[in-house]
Amino acid sequence: MTIKEIQEEIIDEFSMFEDWMERYEYIIELGKSLPIIDDAYKLDENLIVGCQSKVWLHSEMQDGKVVFTADSDAILTKGIVALLLRVYNNQTPKDILNAELFFVDKIGLKEHLSPTRANGLVSMIKQIKLYALAFESKLG
């Protein structure tokens, strides 16, 4: 599935909910389904700077695609990172770098987050793109 197709799927899923309380509950459920990150990756160097809560993000290349694992100590933040990984996981570095991230605005996520969480979201996206850029430059 392309990044665009995954985002459209997420938008469809969120359109089924009546209000933001239901959407928050769904995001929290997504966080609970996030695969457990190996404790070996819960290092300070994998912490995302700019997040109010702790968010660990690890990436590696497998068969030309970037594979991310992540965790957070905050349940809502864990759900947000689960959404981002769903979009970006198992994509090529080039696709990650060229992707336009539109689902966040379409589902109204950023406007329903506190300013610190919204900043954290931006920091998570930036870190994902930095990993992709690093892998892309190694491939180059």
N, C-alpha and C. Protein backbone atom coordinates (compact mmCIF):
# COMPACT_ATOMS: atom_id res chain seq x y z
N MET A 1 0.83 -1.19 0.00
CA MET A 1 0.00 0.00 0.00
C MET A 1 0.87 1.25 0.00
N THR A 2 0.48 2.26 -0.75
CA THR A 2 1.26 3.50 -0.77
C THR A 2 0.93 4.34 0.46
N ILE A 3 1.78 5.31 0.74
CA ILE A 3 1.56 6.22 1.86
C ILE A 3 0.23 6.95 1.68
N LYS A 4 -0.05 7.35 0.46
CA LYS A 4 -1.31 8.06 0.17
C LYS A 4 -2.52 7.16 0.46
N GLU A 5 -2.46 5.92 0.02
CA GLU A 5 -3.57 4.98 0.24
C GLU A 5 -3.80 4.71 1.73
N ILE A 6 -2.72 4.57 2.48
CA ILE A 6 -2.83 4.33 3.92
C ILE A 6 -3.49 5.53 4.59
N GLN A 7 -3.09 6.74 4.20
CA GLN A 7 -3.68 7.94 4.78
C GLN A 7 -5.17 8.03 4.47
N GLU A 8 -5.55 7.67 3.24
CA GLU A 8 -6.97 7.70 2.87
C GLU A 8 -7.76 6.69 3.69
N GLU A 9 -7.16 5.54 3.96
CA GLU A 9 -7.79 4.52 4.80
C GLU A 9 -8.01 5.05 6.22
N ILE A 10 -7.03 5.74 6.77
CA ILE A 10 -7.15 6.33 8.12
C ILE A 10 -8.26 7.38 8.14
N ILE A 11 -8.32 8.22 7.12
CA ILE A 11 -9.37 9.24 7.04
C ILE A 11 -10.75 8.59 7.03
N ASP A 12 -10.89 7.51 6.25
CA ASP A 12 -12.16 6.77 6.21
C ASP A 12 -12.51 6.22 7.59
N GLU A 13 -11.54 5.66 8.28
CA GLU A 13 -11.79 5.10 9.61
C GLU A 13 -12.26 6.19 10.57
N PHE A 14 -11.62 7.34 10.55
CA PHE A 14 -11.97 8.41 11.47
C PHE A 14 -13.32 9.05 11.14
N SER A 15 -13.73 8.95 9.89
CA SER A 15 -15.02 9.53 9.50
C SER A 15 -16.20 8.76 10.11
N MET A 16 -15.94 7.55 10.59
CA MET A 16 -17.01 6.74 11.20
C MET A 16 -17.38 7.20 12.60
N PHE A 17 -16.52 8.01 13.22
CA PHE A 17 -16.76 8.42 14.60
C PHE A 17 -17.57 9.70 14.67
N GLU A 18 -18.47 9.74 15.63
CA GLU A 18 -19.36 10.89 15.80
C GLU A 18 -18.64 12.11 16.37
N ASP A 19 -17.81 11.88 17.38
CA ASP A 19 -17.19 13.02 18.06
C ASP A 19 -15.74 12.71 18.42
N TRP A 20 -15.07 13.71 19.02
CA TRP A 20 -13.66 13.54 19.31
C TRP A 20 -13.38 12.62 20.48
N MET A 21 -14.34 12.45 21.37
CA MET A 21 -14.11 11.49 22.46
C MET A 21 -13.94 10.08 21.88
N GLU A 22 -14.78 9.74 20.90
CA GLU A 22 -14.66 8.43 20.25
C GLU A 22 -13.34 8.32 19.49
N ARG A 23 -12.93 9.41 18.87
CA ARG A 23 -11.66 9.40 18.12
C ARG A 23 -10.47 9.22 19.06
N TYR A 24 -10.51 9.92 20.21
CA TYR A 24 -9.44 9.76 21.20
C TYR A 24 -9.37 8.30 21.67
N GLU A 25 -10.55 7.71 21.93
CA GLU A 25 -10.58 6.31 22.37
C GLU A 25 -9.97 5.40 21.31
N TYR A 26 -10.27 5.68 20.05
CA TYR A 26 -9.72 4.88 18.94
C TYR A 26 -8.20 5.03 18.88
N ILE A 27 -7.71 6.26 19.03
CA ILE A 27 -6.26 6.51 19.01
C ILE A 27 -5.59 5.75 20.16
N ILE A 28 -6.23 5.76 21.33
CA ILE A 28 -5.68 5.04 22.48
C ILE A 28 -5.64 3.53 22.20
N GLU A 29 -6.70 3.01 21.57
CA GLU A 29 -6.71 1.58 21.20
C GLU A 29 -5.58 1.25 20.23
N LEU A 30 -5.34 2.16 19.27
CA LEU A 30 -4.24 1.96 18.33
C LEU A 30 -2.91 1.88 19.07
N GLY A 31 -2.76 2.73 20.06
CA GLY A 31 -1.53 2.72 20.87
C GLY A 31 -1.34 1.40 21.58
N LYS A 32 -2.45 0.83 22.07
CA LYS A 32 -2.36 -0.46 22.77
C LYS A 32 -1.96 -1.58 21.83
N SER A 33 -2.26 -1.42 20.54
CA SER A 33 -1.93 -2.47 19.57
C SER A 33 -0.52 -2.32 18.99
N LEU A 34 0.16 -1.24 19.35
CA LEU A 34 1.53 -1.02 18.86
C LEU A 34 2.43 -2.13 19.41
N PRO A 35 3.18 -2.79 18.52
CA PRO A 35 4.08 -3.85 19.01
C PRO A 35 5.07 -3.29 20.03
N ILE A 36 5.36 -4.08 21.03
CA ILE A 36 6.28 -3.66 22.10
C ILE A 36 7.67 -3.44 21.50
N ILE A 37 8.26 -2.31 21.83
CA ILE A 37 9.62 -2.01 21.36
C ILE A 37 10.61 -2.76 22.27
N ASP A 38 11.65 -3.26 21.68
CA ASP A 38 12.69 -3.95 22.45
C ASP A 38 13.32 -2.95 23.43
N ASP A 39 13.50 -3.37 24.67
CA ASP A 39 14.09 -2.49 25.68
C ASP A 39 15.47 -1.98 25.25
N ALA A 40 16.13 -2.73 24.39
CA ALA A 40 17.46 -2.31 23.91
C ALA A 40 17.37 -1.00 23.12
N TYR A 41 16.17 -0.67 22.61
CA TYR A 41 15.99 0.56 21.82
C TYR A 41 15.45 1.72 22.67
N LYS A 42 15.15 1.45 23.93
CA LYS A 42 14.65 2.51 24.81
C LYS A 42 15.85 3.27 25.40
N LEU A 43 16.58 3.88 24.51
CA LEU A 43 17.78 4.63 24.87
C LEU A 43 17.52 6.12 24.70
N ASP A 44 18.29 6.93 25.41
CA ASP A 44 18.14 8.37 25.30
C ASP A 44 18.33 8.84 23.86
N GLU A 45 19.23 8.17 23.13
CA GLU A 45 19.49 8.59 21.75
C GLU A 45 18.28 8.34 20.84
N ASN A 46 17.35 7.49 21.25
CA ASN A 46 16.14 7.23 20.46
C ASN A 46 14.94 8.05 20.94
N LEU A 47 15.14 8.87 21.96
CA LEU A 47 14.06 9.74 22.43
C LEU A 47 13.86 10.88 21.45
N ILE A 48 12.61 11.22 21.21
CA ILE A 48 12.31 12.32 20.31
C ILE A 48 12.33 13.63 21.11
N VAL A 49 13.19 14.54 20.69
CA VAL A 49 13.29 15.84 21.34
C VAL A 49 12.08 16.67 20.92
N GLY A 50 11.46 17.34 21.87
CA GLY A 50 10.31 18.18 21.55
C GLY A 50 8.99 17.57 21.95
N CYS A 51 9.03 16.37 22.48
CA CYS A 51 7.80 15.73 22.96
C CYS A 51 7.71 15.93 24.48
N GLN A 52 6.51 16.26 24.94
CA GLN A 52 6.26 16.43 26.36
C GLN A 52 6.45 15.10 27.09
N SER A 53 5.89 14.04 26.51
CA SER A 53 6.06 12.71 27.09
C SER A 53 7.26 12.05 26.42
N LYS A 54 7.69 10.93 26.98
CA LYS A 54 8.81 10.21 26.38
C LYS A 54 8.31 9.41 25.18
N VAL A 55 8.99 9.58 24.06
CA VAL A 55 8.69 8.81 22.86
C VAL A 55 10.02 8.30 22.31
N TRP A 56 10.10 6.97 22.22
CA TRP A 56 11.28 6.34 21.65
C TRP A 56 10.95 5.92 20.23
N LEU A 57 11.85 6.21 19.31
CA LEU A 57 11.66 5.83 17.91
C LEU A 57 12.95 5.20 17.41
N HIS A 58 12.83 3.99 16.91
CA HIS A 58 13.99 3.28 16.36
C HIS A 58 13.67 2.93 14.91
N SER A 59 14.69 2.97 14.07
CA SER A 59 14.47 2.60 12.67
C SER A 59 15.64 1.77 12.17
N GLU A 60 15.33 0.96 11.18
CA GLU A 60 16.38 0.20 10.49
C GLU A 60 15.90 -0.09 9.07
N MET A 61 16.87 -0.37 8.22
CA MET A 61 16.54 -0.71 6.83
C MET A 61 16.40 -2.22 6.71
N GLN A 62 15.34 -2.64 6.03
CA GLN A 62 15.16 -4.06 5.71
C GLN A 62 14.66 -4.15 4.28
N ASP A 63 15.45 -4.76 3.43
CA ASP A 63 15.09 -4.94 2.02
C ASP A 63 14.72 -3.63 1.34
N GLY A 64 15.49 -2.58 1.62
CA GLY A 64 15.27 -1.29 0.96
C GLY A 64 14.12 -0.46 1.54
N LYS A 65 13.52 -0.95 2.61
CA LYS A 65 12.41 -0.22 3.24
C LYS A 65 12.79 0.11 4.68
N VAL A 66 12.22 1.21 5.18
CA VAL A 66 12.48 1.63 6.55
C VAL A 66 11.46 0.96 7.47
N VAL A 67 11.96 0.32 8.51
CA VAL A 67 11.09 -0.32 9.49
C VAL A 67 11.27 0.41 10.82
N PHE A 68 10.15 0.93 11.33
CA PHE A 68 10.16 1.69 12.58
C PHE A 68 9.56 0.87 13.71
N THR A 69 10.10 1.06 14.89
CA THR A 69 9.46 0.60 16.12
C THR A 69 9.46 1.80 17.06
N ALA A 70 8.43 1.87 17.90
CA ALA A 70 8.30 3.02 18.78
C ALA A 70 7.53 2.66 20.03
N ASP A 71 7.65 3.55 21.02
CA ASP A 71 6.88 3.41 22.25
C ASP A 71 6.80 4.79 22.90
N SER A 72 5.85 4.92 23.81
CA SER A 72 5.72 6.16 24.57
C SER A 72 5.23 5.82 25.96
N ASP A 73 5.54 6.69 26.91
CA ASP A 73 5.05 6.49 28.27
C ASP A 73 3.67 7.12 28.46
N ALA A 74 3.13 7.77 27.41
CA ALA A 74 1.79 8.37 27.48
C ALA A 74 0.89 7.64 26.49
N ILE A 75 -0.26 7.21 26.94
CA ILE A 75 -1.13 6.34 26.13
C ILE A 75 -1.65 7.03 24.86
N LEU A 76 -2.03 8.31 24.95
CA LEU A 76 -2.51 9.01 23.75
C LEU A 76 -1.37 9.21 22.75
N THR A 77 -0.21 9.58 23.26
CA THR A 77 0.96 9.79 22.41
C THR A 77 1.35 8.48 21.72
N LYS A 78 1.22 7.38 22.45
CA LYS A 78 1.53 6.07 21.86
C LYS A 78 0.59 5.79 20.69
N GLY A 79 -0.67 6.20 20.81
CA GLY A 79 -1.63 6.04 19.72
C GLY A 79 -1.28 6.90 18.52
N ILE A 80 -0.83 8.12 18.80
CA ILE A 80 -0.44 9.03 17.71
C ILE A 80 0.76 8.46 16.95
N VAL A 81 1.74 7.97 17.70
CA VAL A 81 2.92 7.39 17.04
C VAL A 81 2.52 6.12 16.28
N ALA A 82 1.54 5.38 16.78
CA ALA A 82 1.05 4.19 16.07
C ALA A 82 0.45 4.59 14.71
N LEU A 83 -0.27 5.70 14.68
CA LEU A 83 -0.82 6.19 13.41
C LEU A 83 0.29 6.56 12.43
N LEU A 84 1.30 7.26 12.93
CA LEU A 84 2.41 7.67 12.07
C LEU A 84 3.17 6.45 11.53
N LEU A 85 3.39 5.45 12.39
CA LEU A 85 4.10 4.26 11.94
C LEU A 85 3.29 3.51 10.90
N ARG A 86 1.98 3.51 11.07
CA ARG A 86 1.13 2.84 10.08
C ARG A 86 1.33 3.47 8.71
N VAL A 87 1.49 4.78 8.68
CA VAL A 87 1.68 5.50 7.41
C VAL A 87 3.08 5.27 6.84
N TYR A 88 4.09 5.36 7.69
CA TYR A 88 5.47 5.39 7.20
C TYR A 88 6.20 4.05 7.24
N ASN A 89 5.71 3.09 8.00
CA ASN A 89 6.44 1.83 8.15
C ASN A 89 6.49 1.05 6.84
N ASN A 90 7.61 0.39 6.60
CA ASN A 90 7.80 -0.45 5.41
C ASN A 90 7.67 0.32 4.10
N GLN A 91 8.10 1.57 4.11
CA GLN A 91 8.14 2.38 2.90
C GLN A 91 9.61 2.68 2.59
N THR A 92 9.89 3.03 1.35
CA THR A 92 11.27 3.37 1.00
C THR A 92 11.61 4.76 1.56
N PRO A 93 12.89 5.01 1.82
CA PRO A 93 13.27 6.35 2.30
C PRO A 93 12.77 7.45 1.36
N LYS A 94 12.90 7.21 0.06
CA LYS A 94 12.47 8.21 -0.93
C LYS A 94 10.97 8.51 -0.81
N ASP A 95 10.16 7.45 -0.67
CA ASP A 95 8.71 7.65 -0.53
C ASP A 95 8.37 8.41 0.74
N ILE A 96 9.08 8.12 1.82
CA ILE A 96 8.84 8.82 3.09
C ILE A 96 9.18 10.30 2.92
N LEU A 97 10.30 10.58 2.29
CA LEU A 97 10.73 11.97 2.12
C LEU A 97 9.81 12.75 1.18
N ASN A 98 9.29 12.07 0.17
CA ASN A 98 8.43 12.76 -0.82
C ASN A 98 6.96 12.80 -0.45
N ALA A 99 6.58 12.06 0.59
CA ALA A 99 5.16 11.96 0.94
C ALA A 99 4.63 13.27 1.51
N GLU A 100 3.43 13.59 1.07
CA GLU A 100 2.71 14.71 1.67
C GLU A 100 1.83 14.11 2.76
N LEU A 101 2.01 14.56 3.98
CA LEU A 101 1.23 14.04 5.09
C LEU A 101 -0.04 14.88 5.22
N PHE A 102 -1.15 14.33 4.77
CA PHE A 102 -2.40 15.10 4.78
C PHE A 102 -3.45 14.57 5.75
N PHE A 103 -3.29 13.35 6.23
CA PHE A 103 -4.35 12.78 7.08
C PHE A 103 -4.50 13.53 8.41
N VAL A 104 -3.40 14.08 8.93
CA VAL A 104 -3.43 14.79 10.22
C VAL A 104 -4.42 15.95 10.16
N ASP A 105 -4.36 16.74 9.06
CA ASP A 105 -5.27 17.86 8.91
C ASP A 105 -6.68 17.40 8.56
N LYS A 106 -6.78 16.38 7.72
CA LYS A 106 -8.11 15.90 7.27
C LYS A 106 -8.95 15.36 8.42
N ILE A 107 -8.30 14.69 9.38
CA ILE A 107 -9.08 14.15 10.51
C ILE A 107 -9.16 15.16 11.65
N GLY A 108 -8.47 16.31 11.51
CA GLY A 108 -8.53 17.36 12.53
C GLY A 108 -7.71 17.05 13.77
N LEU A 109 -6.71 16.18 13.61
CA LEU A 109 -5.93 15.74 14.78
C LEU A 109 -5.19 16.89 15.45
N LYS A 110 -4.46 17.66 14.66
CA LYS A 110 -3.61 18.70 15.24
C LYS A 110 -4.42 19.71 16.05
N GLU A 111 -5.59 20.08 15.54
CA GLU A 111 -6.40 21.09 16.24
C GLU A 111 -7.08 20.54 17.49
N HIS A 112 -7.09 19.21 17.65
CA HIS A 112 -7.68 18.60 18.85
C HIS A 112 -6.63 18.11 19.83
N LEU A 113 -5.40 18.55 19.63
CA LEU A 113 -4.32 18.23 20.56
C LEU A 113 -3.93 19.49 21.33
N SER A 114 -3.42 19.29 22.53
CA SER A 114 -2.88 20.43 23.27
C SER A 114 -1.68 20.95 22.49
N PRO A 115 -1.32 22.23 22.69
CA PRO A 115 -0.15 22.77 21.96
C PRO A 115 1.12 21.94 22.14
N THR A 116 1.34 21.42 23.35
CA THR A 116 2.56 20.63 23.56
C THR A 116 2.49 19.30 22.81
N ARG A 117 1.29 18.68 22.76
CA ARG A 117 1.15 17.43 22.00
C ARG A 117 1.28 17.69 20.50
N ALA A 118 0.72 18.81 20.03
CA ALA A 118 0.83 19.16 18.62
C ALA A 118 2.30 19.37 18.24
N ASN A 119 3.06 20.01 19.12
CA ASN A 119 4.50 20.18 18.88
C ASN A 119 5.20 18.84 18.86
N GLY A 120 4.79 17.94 19.75
CA GLY A 120 5.35 16.59 19.79
C GLY A 120 5.08 15.84 18.50
N LEU A 121 3.87 16.00 17.96
CA LEU A 121 3.50 15.37 16.69
C LEU A 121 4.44 15.84 15.58
N VAL A 122 4.67 17.14 15.52
CA VAL A 122 5.58 17.71 14.52
C VAL A 122 6.99 17.14 14.71
N SER A 123 7.42 17.02 15.96
CA SER A 123 8.75 16.47 16.25
C SER A 123 8.86 15.01 15.81
N MET A 124 7.79 14.23 16.02
CA MET A 124 7.80 12.83 15.60
C MET A 124 7.94 12.72 14.08
N ILE A 125 7.17 13.53 13.36
CA ILE A 125 7.21 13.51 11.89
C ILE A 125 8.61 13.91 11.42
N LYS A 126 9.15 14.94 12.04
CA LYS A 126 10.49 15.42 11.66
C LYS A 126 11.53 14.32 11.87
N GLN A 127 11.45 13.60 12.99
CA GLN A 127 12.42 12.54 13.29
C GLN A 127 12.29 11.39 12.29
N ILE A 128 11.06 11.03 11.94
CA ILE A 128 10.84 9.97 10.94
C ILE A 128 11.49 10.37 9.61
N LYS A 129 11.30 11.63 9.22
CA LYS A 129 11.88 12.12 7.96
C LYS A 129 13.41 12.17 8.05
N LEU A 130 13.95 12.51 9.23
CA LEU A 130 15.41 12.53 9.39
C LEU A 130 16.00 11.13 9.24
N TYR A 131 15.34 10.14 9.83
CA TYR A 131 15.79 8.76 9.64
C TYR A 131 15.77 8.39 8.16
N ALA A 132 14.67 8.73 7.48
CA ALA A 132 14.56 8.41 6.06
C ALA A 132 15.66 9.10 5.25
N LEU A 133 15.95 10.35 5.60
CA LEU A 133 17.01 11.11 4.91
C LEU A 133 18.37 10.44 5.13
N ALA A 134 18.63 9.99 6.34
CA ALA A 134 19.89 9.31 6.64
C ALA A 134 20.02 8.03 5.81
N PHE A 135 18.94 7.25 5.73
CA PHE A 135 18.98 6.02 4.95
C PHE A 135 19.10 6.32 3.47
N GLU A 136 18.42 7.34 3.01
CA GLU A 136 18.47 7.73 1.59
C GLU A 136 19.89 8.14 1.20
N SER A 137 20.55 8.89 2.08
CA SER A 137 21.91 9.32 1.78
C SER A 137 22.89 8.14 1.75
N LYS A 138 22.63 7.12 2.57
CA LYS A 138 23.47 5.92 2.55
C LYS A 138 23.27 5.14 1.25
N LEU A 139 22.02 5.16 0.76
CA LEU A 139 21.73 4.44 -0.50
C LEU A 139 22.32 5.17 -1.70
N GLY A 140 22.29 6.53 -1.61
CA GLY A 140 22.68 7.42 -2.69
C GLY A 140 23.96 7.04 -3.35
